[in-house]
Structure formats: C-alpha cells, structure tokens
Amino acid sequence: MDAVDVMDPSRESTDPNPGSFLRSLCRILVYAAFTIVLIPIQYVAVLRGSNLQRSLPRWYHRQCCRILGFRVERRGRQSRTHPTLYVANHSSYIDIMVLGSLLQASFIAKSEVASWPFFGWLAKLQRSVFVERRRHKSGEGRDEMTLRLQAGDDLLLFPEGTSNDGNSVLPFKSALFAAAKTEFDGQPITVQPVSVAYTRLDGVPMGRYLRPFFAWYGDMELAGHIWRAVGLGWVTVVVDFHPPVTLDEFNSRKAMSDHCYRQVSIGVAAALSGRPRKRVEQLVAARELARLTDERPLEERRKADRRISRAEDVQEPETPASASPPVVSSAPVVSPAKE
C-alpha cells in the first residue's frame, strides 16, 4: 500500500492493519529466528564477562533494523567519553533498537520490563538497569546506575518516564538525573542529550496522524502494534546527538534537566518539520518571549499554541547543503521496552 494512503486517520477505524500482511509475517519470522539463534551466544558472553556482551547487542540491533525496515540517520557528534549517560525522548519500544544500533550502552528501564515474556529476557541480556518507580524503592535503582557508571559503563535514560505519540516531547523528570552526580576518575559524568524522530515512510514525510503507527503509548496492545508497524514499509528515523554537558555547568540537577529537555525538544521539532535547527531555535525563542509578554487568558493562549503547532507540522526542504550532512546507517531495529 502506498504510504500516502495511510495518512488518512479515518482509516484506522476501518483498516486496523494498513500495511502488508506478507511483509509483517516475513519480517517477524526472520526477526524471531535471528534473535533466538543469538540469545544463547549473548547469554554465555554475559556469564563469562566477555567483551562480546557489550559489542554483540549493537551489531544485533543494526541487523534487526535492516530486517524490520528501519533506516537510521545519525546527526551530530556522539560522545567519545566513557562513561556517558545518554538522555533521550521516548515514543516506542522501537527506540531501543534504533538507539541500540548506534550506542554500545545499557538501557535504564522500569522494573516491570524485567518480567515481560521474551522482551524481558532481551533486556536482561543487554544488562539493562531496572528502576523501581515507587519512591521508597527508587534508591536501589539509582544506586545500581551509579555503580554501573563508576564501572565505566555507558547508560541510556528516558527521562520522560513514559512514552508518547512521537509528535512532541514530554517534560523531563529531574529526579531521574540523580546519576549525573556520579564521578568517574575524579571527573563528573558526561551527559549527552539525544533526540529521536520518526520522519519518513518509504521516503514520504510523515504527518502527526501517521506517527502513532510507530509510537507505543497509553493502553495500546503490544503484539498488534508490532504487527502493524513492521508491515508498513521502510521508516526513516533521525537520531540527533546534541553537545554533551556535565552537572558542573549548571546550578542544579533541575537546571540540567531543563537544558536537556530543551535540546531534545528542539532536535525533535527540527527533524519532524524539516527545518534547520537554528531556525527552530529562533522560533522557540520568539514563542517563549511572546508567552512572557502575552496578557491573554491561559486557555486562549493554549488554543493559539495548538493552532501554531498544527501549522508548523509540515515537512520542509532538508537542511541546506552548507550544513553538515547526516550520517546514514545502512543498518537501521527493534527490541520492545516501553519505559
């Protein structure tokens, strides 16, 4: 089915699977077989403490991206400091494979993921850190994050605390940045904001109504969502690495959280709209200034913001040739872990 056909949101109620049945079936069967073959290899590597336990997952994710139809465009410069705490927005379990294809890092996941059938096993084999959401037990997860960072392991955190529809970024929870206080060899831990955006389907720009086909949130059923997502075609995912920072550069953990949120939000907006990042930064700054000087009632201002957001959600020409071209990964994913 042509990508343009599924952009009509009314199709969701009449055609729950607008993709190809055969494509979904073939991709899932190949993915399952490939994963089952590699599970015992990774299991042995983890038991022996081999370096393979860190390198194999990234190779695995790259192959899964190819199998399941995801192309990853990498922008910006990835931190070369180890350990690094990466913080990214989160819209789907697909983020795990997309980011896993680029990073040799372990994920920080909610404790419930550990008990999931199949995908819980995959999370454990990638040495994920499981964090308890209940406040009186959250300290245990924070301590494990600290120990892993002090051991030199890179970690990836989704500070929104949950997933969303992929059209925006939810506010970051500053409490999840507690691990940023960790020091390694007497130096503060490096924190790098990363934005993830699902931008095109078979080369055609995606609108806000199509992205939820690849975002998993709310009470969506996992199996049906996977089946539909992998049957739609080839998806382009833009991953933008923003300049790394340390806690020493900010007055508080909250200030660092706000900075990372702003960087990630602008990165997502730039990728979804096709505008250059600097232009998006100018638009955001102008909107923030307008809010400070706007004397209209709050509800009226929110309605105006929603109208502006809908108008801006249009794909424009790519960044001018003068800008640095994105690095396109020929292997672009999947391993569910809804945060």
Protein backbone atom coordinates (compact mmCIF):
# COMPACT_ATOMS: atom_id res chain seq x y z
CA MET A 1 0.00 0.00 0.00
CA ASP A 2 1.26 3.45 -0.85
CA ALA A 3 2.47 5.47 2.18
CA VAL A 4 0.18 8.36 1.31
CA ASP A 5 -2.89 6.15 1.68
CA VAL A 6 -2.35 5.54 5.38
CA MET A 7 -2.05 9.23 6.20
CA ASP A 8 -5.82 9.43 6.39
CA PRO A 9 -6.56 9.00 10.14
CA SER A 10 -10.06 7.75 9.36
CA ARG A 11 -8.52 4.53 8.01
CA GLU A 12 -7.51 3.41 11.49
CA SER A 13 -11.09 2.52 12.41
CA THR A 14 -11.86 0.68 9.15
CA ASP A 15 -8.44 -0.84 8.43
CA PRO A 16 -6.57 -1.76 11.63
CA ASN A 17 -3.57 -3.03 9.62
CA PRO A 18 -2.96 -0.73 6.63
CA GLY A 19 0.39 -2.40 5.95
CA SER A 20 1.23 -5.60 4.11
CA PHE A 21 0.27 -8.90 5.80
CA LEU A 22 3.02 -10.77 3.96
CA ARG A 23 5.64 -8.16 4.84
CA SER A 24 4.70 -8.28 8.53
CA LEU A 25 4.78 -12.08 8.57
CA CYS A 26 8.15 -12.39 6.81
CA ARG A 27 9.84 -9.70 8.87
CA ILE A 28 8.64 -11.07 12.20
CA LEU A 29 9.59 -14.65 11.35
CA VAL A 30 13.10 -13.63 10.27
CA TYR A 31 13.47 -11.38 13.34
CA ALA A 32 12.35 -14.14 15.71
CA ALA A 33 14.66 -16.76 14.15
CA PHE A 34 17.62 -14.37 14.14
CA THR A 35 17.02 -13.42 17.78
CA ILE A 36 16.59 -16.99 19.02
CA VAL A 37 19.91 -18.01 17.43
CA LEU A 38 21.80 -15.16 19.13
CA ILE A 39 20.25 -15.45 22.62
CA PRO A 40 22.49 -18.33 23.80
CA ILE A 41 25.60 -16.59 22.44
CA GLN A 42 24.86 -13.41 24.38
CA TYR A 43 23.92 -15.45 27.45
CA VAL A 44 27.30 -17.17 27.52
CA ALA A 45 29.08 -13.84 26.89
CA VAL A 46 27.33 -12.27 29.90
CA LEU A 47 28.12 -15.26 32.14
CA ARG A 48 31.81 -15.12 31.21
CA GLY A 49 32.04 -11.33 31.40
CA SER A 50 33.35 -11.26 27.83
CA ASN A 51 33.69 -8.00 25.89
CA LEU A 52 31.26 -9.58 23.43
CA GLN A 53 28.43 -8.86 25.87
CA ARG A 54 28.85 -5.14 25.03
CA SER A 55 29.60 -5.30 21.31
CA LEU A 56 27.15 -8.02 20.22
CA PRO A 57 23.96 -6.08 21.15
CA ARG A 58 24.87 -3.15 18.91
CA TRP A 59 25.52 -5.46 15.94
CA TYR A 60 22.30 -7.32 16.73
CA HIS A 61 20.24 -4.11 16.79
CA ARG A 62 21.73 -3.00 13.46
CA GLN A 63 20.73 -6.24 11.81
CA CYS A 64 17.24 -6.06 13.32
CA CYS A 65 16.85 -2.57 11.89
CA ARG A 66 17.53 -3.99 8.44
CA ILE A 67 15.20 -6.92 9.00
CA LEU A 68 12.29 -4.85 10.31
CA GLY A 69 12.57 -1.93 7.88
CA PHE A 70 14.10 0.99 9.81
CA ARG A 71 16.76 3.30 8.37
CA VAL A 72 18.66 5.41 10.90
CA GLU A 73 20.09 8.86 10.08
CA ARG A 74 22.68 9.90 12.65
CA ARG A 75 23.28 13.62 13.14
CA GLY A 76 25.62 15.44 15.48
CA ARG A 77 28.65 14.01 17.25
CA GLN A 78 28.34 11.17 19.68
CA SER A 79 30.23 11.49 22.98
CA ARG A 80 33.61 9.77 22.98
CA THR A 81 33.87 9.96 26.74
CA HIS A 82 33.25 6.83 28.78
CA PRO A 83 31.15 6.52 30.77
CA THR A 84 28.40 8.70 29.27
CA LEU A 85 24.82 8.98 30.44
CA TYR A 86 22.66 9.46 27.33
CA VAL A 87 19.21 11.02 27.80
CA ALA A 88 16.64 10.71 25.02
CA ASN A 89 12.96 11.20 24.30
CA HIS A 90 10.84 8.07 24.12
CA SER A 91 7.86 7.21 21.95
CA SER A 92 8.13 3.47 21.40
CA TYR A 93 9.90 0.17 22.08
CA ILE A 94 11.37 0.78 18.60
CA ASP A 95 13.60 3.45 20.19
CA ILE A 96 15.51 0.64 21.89
CA MET A 97 16.63 -0.86 18.60
CA VAL A 98 17.22 2.46 16.91
CA LEU A 99 19.45 3.75 19.71
CA GLY A 100 20.94 0.31 20.33
CA SER A 101 22.15 0.23 16.71
CA LEU A 102 24.28 3.32 17.42
CA LEU A 103 25.24 3.03 21.07
CA GLN A 104 27.21 0.44 22.98
CA ALA A 105 25.18 1.21 26.08
CA SER A 106 22.79 -0.45 28.53
CA PHE A 107 19.27 0.87 28.93
CA ILE A 108 17.57 2.08 32.09
CA ALA A 109 14.10 0.53 32.15
CA LYS A 110 11.18 0.36 34.54
CA SER A 111 11.18 -2.71 36.75
CA GLU A 112 8.07 -4.20 35.08
CA VAL A 113 10.03 -4.80 31.87
CA ALA A 114 12.12 -7.48 33.59
CA SER A 115 9.03 -9.71 33.93
CA TRP A 116 7.88 -9.36 30.30
CA PRO A 117 7.97 -12.60 28.30
CA PHE A 118 10.72 -12.69 25.64
CA PHE A 119 11.47 -8.95 25.67
CA GLY A 120 12.28 -9.05 29.38
CA TRP A 121 14.91 -11.68 28.53
CA LEU A 122 16.37 -9.45 25.83
CA ALA A 123 16.54 -6.52 28.26
CA LYS A 124 18.39 -8.63 30.83
CA LEU A 125 20.81 -9.95 28.23
CA GLN A 126 21.71 -6.36 27.34
CA ARG A 127 22.44 -5.78 31.04
CA SER A 128 19.66 -3.23 31.44
CA VAL A 129 19.28 -1.42 34.75
CA PHE A 130 15.75 -1.87 36.13
CA VAL A 131 14.42 1.02 38.18
CA GLU A 132 11.51 0.75 40.60
CA ARG A 133 9.04 3.60 40.19
CA ARG A 134 7.83 3.51 43.79
CA ARG A 135 9.65 6.23 45.68
CA HIS A 136 10.65 4.13 48.69
CA LYS A 137 12.45 1.67 46.37
CA SER A 138 13.75 4.06 43.71
CA GLY A 139 17.01 4.48 45.59
CA GLU A 140 18.03 0.90 44.76
CA GLY A 141 17.86 1.58 41.02
CA ARG A 142 19.72 4.84 41.45
CA ASP A 143 22.49 3.06 43.35
CA GLU A 144 22.83 0.47 40.60
CA MET A 145 23.03 3.22 37.97
CA THR A 146 25.80 4.86 39.97
CA LEU A 147 27.73 1.60 40.32
CA ARG A 148 27.46 0.88 36.60
CA LEU A 149 28.67 4.37 35.67
CA GLN A 150 31.55 4.12 38.12
CA ALA A 151 32.47 0.83 36.44
CA GLY A 152 32.78 2.72 33.14
CA ASP A 153 29.53 1.52 31.51
CA ASP A 154 27.55 3.84 29.25
CA LEU A 155 23.84 4.06 30.14
CA LEU A 156 20.80 5.39 28.31
CA LEU A 157 17.93 7.04 30.18
CA PHE A 158 14.44 8.05 29.03
CA PRO A 159 13.76 10.94 31.45
CA GLU A 160 10.15 11.48 30.32
CA GLY A 161 9.34 8.43 32.43
CA THR A 162 6.90 7.10 29.82
CA SER A 163 6.32 7.02 26.06
CA ASN A 164 4.16 9.33 23.93
CA ASP A 165 2.73 9.71 20.43
CA GLY A 166 6.01 10.83 18.82
CA ASN A 167 4.77 14.32 17.89
CA SER A 168 6.32 16.12 20.87
CA VAL A 169 8.50 15.63 23.95
CA LEU A 170 7.09 15.32 27.47
CA PRO A 171 8.75 17.25 30.33
CA PHE A 172 11.81 15.52 31.78
CA LYS A 173 11.73 14.29 35.39
CA SER A 174 14.73 15.86 37.09
CA ALA A 175 14.78 13.13 39.77
CA LEU A 176 15.95 10.68 37.10
CA PHE A 177 19.10 12.78 36.64
CA ALA A 178 20.38 11.78 40.09
CA ALA A 179 23.04 9.57 38.47
CA ALA A 180 24.56 12.70 36.89
CA LYS A 181 26.11 13.43 40.29
CA THR A 182 28.37 10.40 39.85
CA GLU A 183 32.08 10.98 39.36
CA PHE A 184 34.48 8.79 37.37
CA ASP A 185 38.23 9.13 37.97
CA GLY A 186 37.53 12.36 39.85
CA GLN A 187 35.64 13.89 36.91
CA PRO A 188 31.88 14.50 36.63
CA ILE A 189 29.90 12.11 34.45
CA THR A 190 29.24 13.26 30.88
CA VAL A 191 25.56 13.64 29.98
CA GLN A 192 24.54 13.81 26.32
CA PRO A 193 21.01 14.76 25.15
CA VAL A 194 19.77 12.72 22.16
CA SER A 195 16.61 13.30 20.12
CA VAL A 196 14.80 10.55 18.20
CA ALA A 197 12.24 11.38 15.49
CA TYR A 198 10.33 9.16 13.05
CA THR A 199 10.25 11.32 9.95
CA ARG A 200 9.52 9.40 6.72
CA LEU A 201 7.73 6.31 5.47
CA ASP A 202 9.03 4.97 2.15
CA GLY A 203 10.61 8.39 1.59
CA VAL A 204 7.34 10.29 2.12
CA PRO A 205 7.23 12.77 5.07
CA MET A 206 5.04 11.53 7.93
CA GLY A 207 2.37 13.77 9.40
CA ARG A 208 1.16 13.78 13.00
CA TYR A 209 -1.57 11.24 12.23
CA LEU A 210 0.85 8.63 10.90
CA ARG A 211 3.48 8.71 13.66
CA PRO A 212 1.30 6.88 16.22
CA PHE A 213 1.64 3.81 13.99
CA PHE A 214 5.23 3.71 15.26
CA ALA A 215 4.66 5.16 18.75
CA TRP A 216 3.53 2.84 21.54
CA TYR A 217 1.79 4.59 24.40
CA GLY A 218 -1.30 4.55 26.57
CA ASP A 219 -3.10 1.20 26.56
CA MET A 220 -2.01 0.08 23.08
CA GLU A 221 -1.76 -3.71 22.70
CA LEU A 222 1.87 -4.70 22.02
CA ALA A 223 1.52 -7.65 19.63
CA GLY A 224 -0.92 -5.87 17.31
CA HIS A 225 1.18 -2.72 17.31
CA ILE A 226 4.34 -4.63 16.33
CA TRP A 227 2.50 -6.44 13.54
CA ARG A 228 1.18 -3.20 12.09
CA ALA A 229 4.41 -1.20 12.47
CA VAL A 230 6.66 -3.67 10.66
CA GLY A 231 4.23 -4.14 7.79
CA LEU A 232 4.07 -0.53 6.63
CA GLY A 233 7.31 -0.16 4.68
CA TRP A 234 10.72 1.47 5.23
CA VAL A 235 10.84 4.04 8.02
CA THR A 236 13.45 6.79 8.36
CA VAL A 237 14.42 7.62 11.94
CA VAL A 238 16.55 10.69 12.68
CA VAL A 239 18.81 10.44 15.75
CA ASP A 240 20.46 13.74 16.68
CA PHE A 241 23.31 13.84 19.23
CA HIS A 242 23.47 17.23 20.95
CA PRO A 243 26.54 18.72 22.69
CA PRO A 244 27.37 16.81 25.91
CA VAL A 245 27.33 18.56 29.28
CA THR A 246 28.20 17.87 32.93
CA LEU A 247 26.42 18.76 36.14
CA ASP A 248 29.21 21.23 36.99
CA GLU A 249 27.93 23.51 34.24
CA PHE A 250 24.58 24.03 35.99
CA ASN A 251 23.34 25.37 39.30
CA SER A 252 21.21 22.30 39.98
CA ARG A 253 20.02 18.96 38.68
CA LYS A 254 16.76 20.64 37.67
CA ALA A 255 18.66 23.17 35.54
CA MET A 256 20.48 20.34 33.75
CA SER A 257 17.18 18.51 33.20
CA ASP A 258 15.62 21.66 31.69
CA HIS A 259 18.61 22.17 29.41
CA CYS A 260 18.49 18.58 28.13
CA TYR A 261 14.73 18.82 27.63
CA ARG A 262 15.13 21.97 25.56
CA GLN A 263 17.87 20.46 23.38
CA VAL A 264 15.92 17.27 22.75
CA SER A 265 12.66 19.14 22.07
CA ILE A 266 14.30 21.41 19.51
CA GLY A 267 16.02 18.44 17.88
CA VAL A 268 12.73 16.56 17.52
CA ALA A 269 10.92 19.65 16.19
CA ALA A 270 13.67 20.30 13.63
CA ALA A 271 13.64 16.70 12.38
CA LEU A 272 9.85 16.48 12.14
CA SER A 273 9.42 19.82 10.38
CA GLY A 274 12.49 19.55 8.14
CA ARG A 275 13.64 23.00 9.28
CA PRO A 276 17.28 23.78 10.15
CA ARG A 277 17.91 23.56 13.87
CA LYS A 278 18.87 27.24 14.16
CA ARG A 279 15.57 28.28 12.62
CA VAL A 280 13.66 26.14 15.12
CA GLU A 281 15.66 27.66 17.99
CA GLN A 282 14.68 31.14 16.76
CA LEU A 283 11.01 30.14 16.57
CA VAL A 284 11.10 28.66 20.08
CA ALA A 285 12.82 31.75 21.50
CA ALA A 286 10.27 34.02 19.83
CA ARG A 287 7.38 31.94 21.17
CA GLU A 288 8.80 31.96 24.70
CA LEU A 289 9.19 35.74 24.55
CA ALA A 290 5.63 36.08 23.28
CA ARG A 291 4.35 33.99 26.18
CA LEU A 292 6.13 36.19 28.70
CA THR A 293 4.52 39.31 27.28
CA ASP A 294 1.11 37.80 26.41
CA GLU A 295 -1.71 39.08 28.61
CA ARG A 296 -4.45 36.88 27.13
CA PRO A 297 -6.16 34.27 29.33
CA LEU A 298 -4.25 30.99 29.67
CA GLU A 299 -6.80 28.87 27.79
CA GLU A 300 -6.83 31.29 24.85
CA ARG A 301 -3.03 31.17 24.68
CA ARG A 302 -3.05 27.37 24.69
CA LYS A 303 -5.51 27.28 21.79
CA ALA A 304 -3.30 29.65 19.82
CA ASP A 305 -0.25 27.47 20.53
CA ARG A 306 -2.08 24.39 19.27
CA ARG A 307 -3.02 26.18 16.05
CA ILE A 308 0.61 27.22 15.52
CA SER A 309 1.84 23.67 16.19
CA ARG A 310 -0.55 22.23 13.61
CA ALA A 311 0.55 24.81 11.06
CA GLU A 312 4.23 24.12 11.69
CA ASP A 313 3.88 20.34 11.40
CA VAL A 314 4.73 20.44 7.69
CA GLN A 315 7.86 18.89 6.25
CA GLU A 316 10.05 21.49 4.61
CA PRO A 317 13.15 21.01 2.39
CA GLU A 318 16.10 19.42 4.10
CA THR A 319 18.89 21.42 5.73
CA PRO A 320 20.93 23.44 3.18
CA ALA A 321 23.97 21.80 1.65
CA SER A 322 26.21 24.12 3.63
CA ALA A 323 25.28 22.26 6.79
CA SER A 324 26.95 19.01 7.78
CA PRO A 325 25.23 16.10 6.01
CA PRO A 326 23.70 13.41 8.19
CA VAL A 327 25.41 10.06 8.50
CA VAL A 328 23.03 7.40 7.22
CA SER A 329 23.27 3.99 8.82
CA SER A 330 22.63 1.27 6.28
CA ALA A 331 21.52 -0.88 9.18
CA PRO A 332 18.92 0.71 10.98
CA VAL A 333 15.98 -2.02 14.91
CA VAL A 334 13.60 -3.41 17.37
CA SER A 335 13.51 -4.81 20.85
CA PRO A 336 10.49 -3.70 22.87
CA ALA A 337 10.96 -1.98 26.16
CA LYS A 338 8.30 0.52 26.92
CA GLU A 339 9.65 2.90 29.52
